[in-house]
N, C-alpha and C. Protein backbone atom coordinates (compact mmCIF):
# COMPACT_ATOMS: atom_id res chain seq x y z
N UNK A 1 11.26 -5.28 -17.10
CA UNK A 1 11.59 -4.46 -15.95
C UNK A 1 10.31 -4.00 -15.28
N UNK A 2 10.22 -4.21 -13.94
CA UNK A 2 9.00 -3.80 -13.24
C UNK A 2 9.04 -2.32 -12.92
N UNK A 3 7.87 -1.73 -12.88
CA UNK A 3 7.76 -0.30 -12.60
C UNK A 3 8.01 -0.05 -11.11
N UNK A 4 8.73 1.03 -10.78
CA UNK A 4 8.99 1.36 -9.37
C UNK A 4 7.69 1.73 -8.64
N UNK A 5 7.59 1.30 -7.39
CA UNK A 5 6.44 1.58 -6.54
C UNK A 5 6.89 2.36 -5.32
N UNK A 6 5.99 3.15 -4.74
CA UNK A 6 6.23 3.79 -3.45
C UNK A 6 4.93 3.76 -2.67
N UNK A 7 4.97 3.14 -1.49
CA UNK A 7 3.81 3.09 -0.61
C UNK A 7 3.80 4.31 0.30
N UNK A 8 2.58 4.79 0.60
CA UNK A 8 2.37 5.95 1.47
C UNK A 8 1.38 5.60 2.58
N UNK A 9 1.62 6.17 3.75
CA UNK A 9 0.66 6.10 4.86
C UNK A 9 0.30 7.54 5.20
N UNK A 10 -0.97 7.85 5.15
CA UNK A 10 -1.44 9.21 5.44
C UNK A 10 -0.68 10.25 4.62
N UNK A 11 -0.45 9.93 3.34
CA UNK A 11 0.20 10.80 2.35
C UNK A 11 1.68 11.07 2.64
N UNK A 12 2.31 10.23 3.47
CA UNK A 12 3.75 10.34 3.74
C UNK A 12 4.40 9.05 3.25
N UNK A 13 5.47 9.20 2.44
CA UNK A 13 6.16 8.02 1.91
C UNK A 13 6.69 7.16 3.05
N UNK A 14 6.51 5.84 2.93
CA UNK A 14 7.01 4.89 3.92
C UNK A 14 8.42 4.50 3.50
N UNK A 15 9.39 4.78 4.35
CA UNK A 15 10.79 4.46 4.04
C UNK A 15 10.95 2.98 3.71
N UNK A 16 11.58 2.70 2.57
CA UNK A 16 11.88 1.33 2.17
C UNK A 16 10.71 0.56 1.59
N UNK A 17 9.53 1.14 1.51
CA UNK A 17 8.34 0.46 0.99
C UNK A 17 8.22 0.73 -0.51
N UNK A 18 9.02 0.02 -1.31
CA UNK A 18 9.09 0.29 -2.75
C UNK A 18 8.83 -0.95 -3.60
N UNK A 19 8.22 -1.96 -3.02
CA UNK A 19 7.87 -3.17 -3.77
C UNK A 19 6.37 -3.15 -4.09
N UNK A 20 5.92 -4.10 -4.91
CA UNK A 20 4.51 -4.18 -5.27
C UNK A 20 3.63 -4.53 -4.07
N UNK A 21 4.21 -5.17 -3.05
CA UNK A 21 3.48 -5.51 -1.82
C UNK A 21 4.10 -4.78 -0.64
N UNK A 22 3.28 -4.44 0.33
CA UNK A 22 3.77 -3.85 1.57
C UNK A 22 3.19 -4.67 2.72
N UNK A 23 4.05 -5.20 3.57
CA UNK A 23 3.61 -6.06 4.67
C UNK A 23 3.82 -5.37 6.01
N UNK A 24 2.80 -5.44 6.83
CA UNK A 24 2.89 -4.99 8.21
C UNK A 24 2.97 -6.28 9.03
N UNK A 25 4.14 -6.54 9.62
CA UNK A 25 4.38 -7.84 10.24
C UNK A 25 3.61 -8.05 11.54
N UNK A 26 3.36 -7.02 12.30
CA UNK A 26 2.58 -7.12 13.54
C UNK A 26 1.80 -5.81 13.70
N UNK A 27 0.56 -5.81 13.23
CA UNK A 27 -0.25 -4.59 13.24
C UNK A 27 -0.41 -4.05 14.65
N UNK A 28 -0.19 -2.75 14.79
CA UNK A 28 -0.34 -2.05 16.07
C UNK A 28 -1.19 -0.80 15.85
N UNK A 29 -1.60 -0.19 16.94
CA UNK A 29 -2.42 1.03 16.85
C UNK A 29 -1.80 2.07 15.93
N UNK A 30 -0.49 2.20 15.96
CA UNK A 30 0.20 3.22 15.16
C UNK A 30 0.17 2.92 13.67
N UNK A 31 -0.22 1.70 13.28
CA UNK A 31 -0.32 1.34 11.86
C UNK A 31 -1.64 1.74 11.24
N UNK A 32 -2.61 2.12 12.05
CA UNK A 32 -3.90 2.55 11.52
C UNK A 32 -3.69 3.79 10.68
N UNK A 33 -4.38 3.87 9.54
CA UNK A 33 -4.27 5.04 8.68
C UNK A 33 -4.71 4.74 7.27
N UNK A 34 -4.46 5.67 6.39
CA UNK A 34 -4.83 5.57 4.98
C UNK A 34 -3.58 5.22 4.16
N UNK A 35 -3.62 4.10 3.45
CA UNK A 35 -2.49 3.63 2.66
C UNK A 35 -2.80 3.71 1.17
N UNK A 36 -1.78 4.01 0.38
CA UNK A 36 -1.90 3.99 -1.08
C UNK A 36 -0.53 3.68 -1.67
N UNK A 37 -0.52 3.29 -2.93
CA UNK A 37 0.73 3.02 -3.63
C UNK A 37 0.75 3.85 -4.91
N UNK A 38 1.92 4.41 -5.23
CA UNK A 38 2.12 5.15 -6.47
C UNK A 38 3.11 4.36 -7.31
N UNK A 39 2.72 4.06 -8.54
CA UNK A 39 3.56 3.30 -9.47
C UNK A 39 3.95 4.23 -10.61
N UNK A 40 5.24 4.28 -10.92
CA UNK A 40 5.76 5.16 -11.97
C UNK A 40 6.42 4.31 -13.04
N UNK A 41 6.10 4.59 -14.29
CA UNK A 41 6.68 3.86 -15.41
C UNK A 41 7.30 4.89 -16.36
N UNK A 42 8.60 4.75 -16.61
CA UNK A 42 9.30 5.66 -17.50
C UNK A 42 9.74 4.91 -18.75
N UNK A 43 9.45 5.50 -19.90
CA UNK A 43 9.83 4.92 -21.19
C UNK A 43 10.48 6.04 -22.01
N UNK A 44 11.80 6.05 -22.04
CA UNK A 44 12.50 7.15 -22.72
C UNK A 44 12.30 8.43 -21.95
N UNK A 45 11.73 9.44 -22.58
CA UNK A 45 11.49 10.71 -21.89
C UNK A 45 10.06 10.83 -21.37
N UNK A 46 9.20 9.83 -21.67
CA UNK A 46 7.81 9.86 -21.21
C UNK A 46 7.70 9.14 -19.88
N UNK A 47 6.94 9.73 -18.96
CA UNK A 47 6.72 9.12 -17.65
C UNK A 47 5.23 9.07 -17.37
N UNK A 48 4.76 7.90 -16.92
CA UNK A 48 3.36 7.73 -16.53
C UNK A 48 3.32 7.35 -15.06
N UNK A 49 2.39 7.94 -14.34
CA UNK A 49 2.25 7.64 -12.91
C UNK A 49 0.81 7.26 -12.63
N UNK A 50 0.63 6.19 -11.85
CA UNK A 50 -0.71 5.75 -11.43
C UNK A 50 -0.73 5.69 -9.91
N UNK A 51 -1.79 6.21 -9.32
CA UNK A 51 -1.95 6.19 -7.87
C UNK A 51 -3.18 5.37 -7.54
N UNK A 52 -3.02 4.43 -6.60
CA UNK A 52 -4.14 3.58 -6.19
C UNK A 52 -5.17 4.39 -5.41
N UNK A 53 -6.33 3.83 -5.29
CA UNK A 53 -7.34 4.37 -4.39
C UNK A 53 -6.86 4.11 -2.97
N UNK A 54 -7.08 5.03 -2.06
CA UNK A 54 -6.63 4.85 -0.68
C UNK A 54 -7.36 3.70 -0.02
N UNK A 55 -6.65 2.96 0.78
CA UNK A 55 -7.17 1.84 1.57
C UNK A 55 -7.01 2.23 3.03
N UNK A 56 -8.09 2.21 3.80
CA UNK A 56 -8.01 2.61 5.20
C UNK A 56 -7.83 1.37 6.07
N UNK A 57 -6.78 1.39 6.86
CA UNK A 57 -6.47 0.29 7.77
C UNK A 57 -6.88 0.71 9.17
N UNK A 58 -7.76 -0.09 9.79
CA UNK A 58 -8.19 0.15 11.15
C UNK A 58 -7.70 -1.00 12.01
N UNK A 59 -7.00 -0.70 13.09
CA UNK A 59 -6.51 -1.73 14.00
C UNK A 59 -7.35 -1.66 15.27
N UNK A 60 -7.97 -2.79 15.62
CA UNK A 60 -8.82 -2.84 16.80
C UNK A 60 -8.22 -3.78 17.84
N UNK A 61 -8.76 -3.74 19.03
CA UNK A 61 -8.32 -4.64 20.10
C UNK A 61 -8.50 -6.09 19.65
N UNK A 62 -7.73 -7.02 20.22
CA UNK A 62 -7.82 -8.43 19.82
C UNK A 62 -9.24 -8.99 19.96
N UNK A 63 -9.80 -9.37 18.82
CA UNK A 63 -11.11 -10.01 18.77
C UNK A 63 -11.10 -10.98 17.60
N UNK A 64 -12.03 -11.89 17.58
CA UNK A 64 -12.17 -12.79 16.44
C UNK A 64 -13.35 -12.27 15.63
N UNK A 65 -13.05 -11.72 14.45
CA UNK A 65 -14.10 -11.17 13.60
C UNK A 65 -13.52 -10.96 12.21
N UNK A 66 -14.25 -10.26 11.35
CA UNK A 66 -13.77 -9.94 10.01
C UNK A 66 -12.84 -8.74 10.02
N UNK A 67 -12.63 -8.10 11.17
CA UNK A 67 -11.76 -6.94 11.27
C UNK A 67 -10.31 -7.39 11.43
N UNK A 68 -9.40 -6.48 11.32
CA UNK A 68 -7.99 -6.79 11.52
C UNK A 68 -7.73 -7.10 12.98
N UNK A 69 -6.80 -8.00 13.20
CA UNK A 69 -6.47 -8.43 14.55
C UNK A 69 -5.13 -7.81 14.96
N UNK A 70 -5.09 -7.20 16.12
CA UNK A 70 -3.87 -6.59 16.66
C UNK A 70 -2.76 -7.64 16.72
N UNK A 71 -1.57 -7.30 16.19
CA UNK A 71 -0.43 -8.19 16.26
C UNK A 71 -0.33 -9.20 15.13
N UNK A 72 -1.30 -9.27 14.25
CA UNK A 72 -1.29 -10.21 13.14
C UNK A 72 -0.66 -9.56 11.91
N UNK A 73 0.00 -10.35 11.06
CA UNK A 73 0.62 -9.83 9.84
C UNK A 73 -0.42 -9.66 8.74
N UNK A 74 -0.32 -8.55 8.01
CA UNK A 74 -1.19 -8.28 6.87
C UNK A 74 -0.35 -7.79 5.71
N UNK A 75 -0.75 -8.15 4.49
CA UNK A 75 -0.05 -7.71 3.29
C UNK A 75 -1.00 -6.90 2.43
N UNK A 76 -0.59 -5.69 2.05
CA UNK A 76 -1.32 -4.88 1.08
C UNK A 76 -0.66 -5.13 -0.25
N UNK A 77 -1.42 -5.29 -1.31
CA UNK A 77 -0.86 -5.72 -2.58
C UNK A 77 -1.30 -4.78 -3.69
N UNK A 78 -0.36 -4.37 -4.55
CA UNK A 78 -0.66 -3.56 -5.72
C UNK A 78 -0.80 -4.51 -6.90
N UNK A 79 -1.88 -4.41 -7.64
CA UNK A 79 -2.07 -5.24 -8.83
C UNK A 79 -2.15 -4.35 -10.05
N UNK A 80 -1.87 -4.92 -11.20
CA UNK A 80 -1.90 -4.12 -12.42
C UNK A 80 -3.32 -3.85 -12.88
N UNK A 81 -3.48 -2.74 -13.54
CA UNK A 81 -4.79 -2.34 -14.07
C UNK A 81 -4.54 -1.64 -15.41
N UNK A 82 -5.31 -2.01 -16.40
CA UNK A 82 -5.20 -1.38 -17.70
C UNK A 82 -6.40 -0.47 -17.93
N UNK A 83 -6.14 0.77 -18.24
CA UNK A 83 -7.18 1.73 -18.53
C UNK A 83 -7.22 1.92 -20.03
N UNK A 84 -8.34 1.60 -20.64
CA UNK A 84 -8.43 1.64 -22.11
C UNK A 84 -8.85 3.00 -22.65
N UNK A 85 -8.88 4.02 -21.82
CA UNK A 85 -9.26 5.38 -22.31
C UNK A 85 -8.13 5.99 -23.10
């Protein structure tokens, strides 16, 4: 069973964004912001929660460069991480 995820933009939960990946199908100015994912794992009565480091999405005018392109689809992906502490 996979652990439930919740994606956030600017610390506000994104409705329906509960999968390991979050896709923005056509990036627009309003999509710019700070994104993170919170993953919760419950085992019996114990619950563990992990929060990703925030990822800042900047949307710029259409240009060809290493920056994000307005109107292009982008996928943010949550990957597993094991902390041995």
